[in-house]
Amino acid sequence: MYISFFEKGEVDQMTTNVETVILAIIIGTLAAIVYSLRVLVLVERRIARVDANLTVITRKIAMEEIKILRAEKRIEKALSKRKNPTKKKRKNKKSTKRKKK
């Protein structure tokens, strides 16, 4: 004679509970995966915007650098013209100081 610890109704109920828990775990895991993919897409978009802004800022800095270099060349050219004019001879003025003997 076979002695059963559980009646048939209790085993079915236990199986249903285990299946429900397993399905809940699977659905929760899938929801977590979908949420993490959503966050990943949002972060990727944000990084793309930051990258685009960095590109714009880099271009502006490069343009300013070119302007500065051009202005520097103009200044150097103007200074070189000023340093090399036709040299005028100075008139030697007699000094008013007496020579020591």
C-alpha atoms as a PDB file:
ATOM      1  CA  MET A   1       0.000   0.000   0.000  1.00  0.00           C
ATOM      2  CA  TYR A   2       1.257   3.427  -1.006  1.00  0.00           C
ATOM      3  CA  ILE A   3       1.079   6.285   1.523  1.00  0.00           C
ATOM      4  CA  SER A   4       0.827   9.713   0.018  1.00  0.00           C
ATOM      5  CA  PHE A   5       2.123  12.705   1.914  1.00  0.00           C
ATOM      6  CA  PHE A   6       0.131  15.128  -0.157  1.00  0.00           C
ATOM      7  CA  GLU A   7      -3.276  14.827  -1.542  1.00  0.00           C
ATOM      8  CA  LYS A   8      -3.700  15.364  -5.236  1.00  0.00           C
ATOM      9  CA  GLY A   9      -5.231  18.831  -4.759  1.00  0.00           C
ATOM     10  CA  GLU A  10      -2.324  20.003  -2.611  1.00  0.00           C
ATOM     11  CA  VAL A  11       0.267  18.859  -5.181  1.00  0.00           C
ATOM     12  CA  ASP A  12      -1.563  20.661  -7.981  1.00  0.00           C
ATOM     13  CA  GLN A  13      -1.775  23.799  -5.865  1.00  0.00           C
ATOM     14  CA  MET A  14       1.949  23.616  -5.034  1.00  0.00           C
ATOM     15  CA  THR A  15       2.884  23.120  -8.684  1.00  0.00           C
ATOM     16  CA  THR A  16       0.743  26.092  -9.644  1.00  0.00           C
ATOM     17  CA  ASN A  17       2.441  28.243  -6.990  1.00  0.00           C
ATOM     18  CA  VAL A  18       5.919  27.230  -8.176  1.00  0.00           C
ATOM     19  CA  GLU A  19       4.981  27.904 -11.795  1.00  0.00           C
ATOM     20  CA  THR A  20       3.579  31.291 -10.815  1.00  0.00           C
ATOM     21  CA  VAL A  21       6.770  32.205  -8.975  1.00  0.00           C
ATOM     22  CA  ILE A  22       8.949  31.083 -11.893  1.00  0.00           C
ATOM     23  CA  LEU A  23       6.828  33.061 -14.372  1.00  0.00           C
ATOM     24  CA  ALA A  24       6.997  36.130 -12.116  1.00  0.00           C
ATOM     25  CA  ILE A  25      10.790  35.841 -11.970  1.00  0.00           C
ATOM     26  CA  ILE A  26      11.031  35.491 -15.769  1.00  0.00           C
ATOM     27  CA  ILE A  27       8.710  38.461 -16.381  1.00  0.00           C
ATOM     28  CA  GLY A  28      10.609  40.562 -13.824  1.00  0.00           C
ATOM     29  CA  THR A  29      13.910  39.701 -15.484  1.00  0.00           C
ATOM     30  CA  LEU A  30      12.558  40.611 -18.911  1.00  0.00           C
ATOM     31  CA  ALA A  31      11.195  43.904 -17.555  1.00  0.00           C
ATOM     32  CA  ALA A  32      14.607  44.695 -16.045  1.00  0.00           C
ATOM     33  CA  ILE A  33      16.303  43.959 -19.378  1.00  0.00           C
ATOM     34  CA  VAL A  34      13.869  46.209 -21.267  1.00  0.00           C
ATOM     35  CA  TYR A  35      14.328  49.022 -18.727  1.00  0.00           C
ATOM     36  CA  SER A  36      18.116  48.758 -18.855  1.00  0.00           C
ATOM     37  CA  LEU A  37      17.998  48.899 -22.685  1.00  0.00           C
ATOM     38  CA  ARG A  38      15.844  52.018 -22.438  1.00  0.00           C
ATOM     39  CA  VAL A  39      18.347  53.634 -20.077  1.00  0.00           C
ATOM     40  CA  LEU A  40      21.186  52.585 -22.379  1.00  0.00           C
ATOM     41  CA  VAL A  41      19.512  54.260 -25.368  1.00  0.00           C
ATOM     42  CA  LEU A  42      18.918  57.458 -23.383  1.00  0.00           C
ATOM     43  CA  VAL A  43      22.528  57.571 -22.206  1.00  0.00           C
ATOM     44  CA  GLU A  44      23.769  56.928 -25.744  1.00  0.00           C
ATOM     45  CA  ARG A  45      21.668  59.847 -27.036  1.00  0.00           C
ATOM     46  CA  ARG A  46      23.024  62.100 -24.309  1.00  0.00           C
ATOM     47  CA  ILE A  47      26.596  61.107 -25.163  1.00  0.00           C
ATOM     48  CA  ALA A  48      25.896  61.817 -28.845  1.00  0.00           C
ATOM     49  CA  ARG A  49      24.676  65.325 -27.930  1.00  0.00           C
ATOM     50  CA  VAL A  50      27.744  65.940 -25.780  1.00  0.00           C
ATOM     51  CA  ASP A  51      29.958  64.753 -28.630  1.00  0.00           C
ATOM     52  CA  ALA A  52      28.213  67.093 -31.077  1.00  0.00           C
ATOM     53  CA  ASN A  53      28.614  70.023 -28.668  1.00  0.00           C
ATOM     54  CA  LEU A  54      32.299  69.219 -28.218  1.00  0.00           C
ATOM     55  CA  THR A  55      32.736  69.228 -31.974  1.00  0.00           C
ATOM     56  CA  VAL A  56      31.114  72.665 -32.235  1.00  0.00           C
ATOM     57  CA  ILE A  57      33.242  74.024 -29.378  1.00  0.00           C
ATOM     58  CA  THR A  58      36.399  72.586 -30.954  1.00  0.00           C
ATOM     59  CA  ARG A  59      35.616  74.274 -34.266  1.00  0.00           C
ATOM     60  CA  LYS A  60      35.029  77.613 -32.527  1.00  0.00           C
ATOM     61  CA  ILE A  61      38.327  77.299 -30.656  1.00  0.00           C
ATOM     62  CA  ALA A  62      40.147  76.443 -33.891  1.00  0.00           C
ATOM     63  CA  MET A  63      38.664  79.512 -35.606  1.00  0.00           C
ATOM     64  CA  GLU A  64      39.697  81.733 -32.691  1.00  0.00           C
ATOM     65  CA  GLU A  65      43.181  80.245 -32.818  1.00  0.00           C
ATOM     66  CA  ILE A  66      43.441  81.066 -36.528  1.00  0.00           C
ATOM     67  CA  LYS A  67      42.298  84.649 -35.851  1.00  0.00           C
ATOM     68  CA  ILE A  68      44.876  84.996 -33.075  1.00  0.00           C
ATOM     69  CA  LEU A  69      47.656  83.664 -35.293  1.00  0.00           C
ATOM     70  CA  ARG A  70      46.720  86.091 -38.087  1.00  0.00           C
ATOM     71  CA  ALA A  71      46.664  89.013 -35.663  1.00  0.00           C
ATOM     72  CA  GLU A  72      50.026  87.908 -34.256  1.00  0.00           C
ATOM     73  CA  LYS A  73      51.539  87.864 -37.758  1.00  0.00           C
ATOM     74  CA  ARG A  74      50.183  91.358 -38.439  1.00  0.00           C
ATOM     75  CA  ILE A  75      51.639  92.651 -35.181  1.00  0.00           C
ATOM     76  CA  GLU A  76      55.018  91.036 -35.852  1.00  0.00           C
ATOM     77  CA  LYS A  77      55.053  92.486 -39.357  1.00  0.00           C
ATOM     78  CA  ALA A  78      54.232  95.955 -38.024  1.00  0.00           C
ATOM     79  CA  LEU A  79      56.943  95.680 -35.376  1.00  0.00           C
ATOM     80  CA  SER A  80      59.532  94.518 -37.876  1.00  0.00           C
ATOM     81  CA  LYS A  81      58.761  97.540 -40.067  1.00  0.00           C
ATOM     82  CA  ARG A  82      59.111  99.832 -37.094  1.00  0.00           C
ATOM     83  CA  LYS A  83      62.499  98.394 -36.058  1.00  0.00           C
ATOM     84  CA  ASN A  84      64.066  98.629 -39.505  1.00  0.00           C
ATOM     85  CA  PRO A  85      63.396 102.180 -40.662  1.00  0.00           C
ATOM     86  CA  THR A  86      66.126 104.156 -42.394  1.00  0.00           C
ATOM     87  CA  LYS A  87      68.544 104.927 -39.654  1.00  0.00           C
ATOM     88  CA  LYS A  88      69.105 108.595 -39.084  1.00  0.00           C
ATOM     89  CA  LYS A  89      72.441 109.786 -37.897  1.00  0.00           C
ATOM     90  CA  ARG A  90      72.482 111.343 -34.505  1.00  0.00           C
ATOM     91  CA  LYS A  91      74.163 114.608 -34.021  1.00  0.00           C
ATOM     92  CA  ASN A  92      76.844 114.390 -31.432  1.00  0.00           C
ATOM     93  CA  LYS A  93      76.148 116.918 -28.784  1.00  0.00           C
ATOM     94  CA  LYS A  94      78.957 118.130 -26.702  1.00  0.00           C
ATOM     95  CA  SER A  95      78.647 116.986 -23.203  1.00  0.00           C
ATOM     96  CA  THR A  96      78.492 119.598 -20.526  1.00  0.00           C
ATOM     97  CA  LYS A  97      80.324 117.414 -18.093  1.00  0.00           C
ATOM     98  CA  ARG A  98      83.968 118.071 -17.491  1.00  0.00           C
ATOM     99  CA  LYS A  99      86.490 115.373 -17.918  1.00  0.00           C
ATOM    100  CA  LYS A 100      88.349 114.373 -14.836  1.00  0.00           C
ATOM    101  CA  LYS A 101      92.092 114.595 -14.956  1.00  0.00           C
END
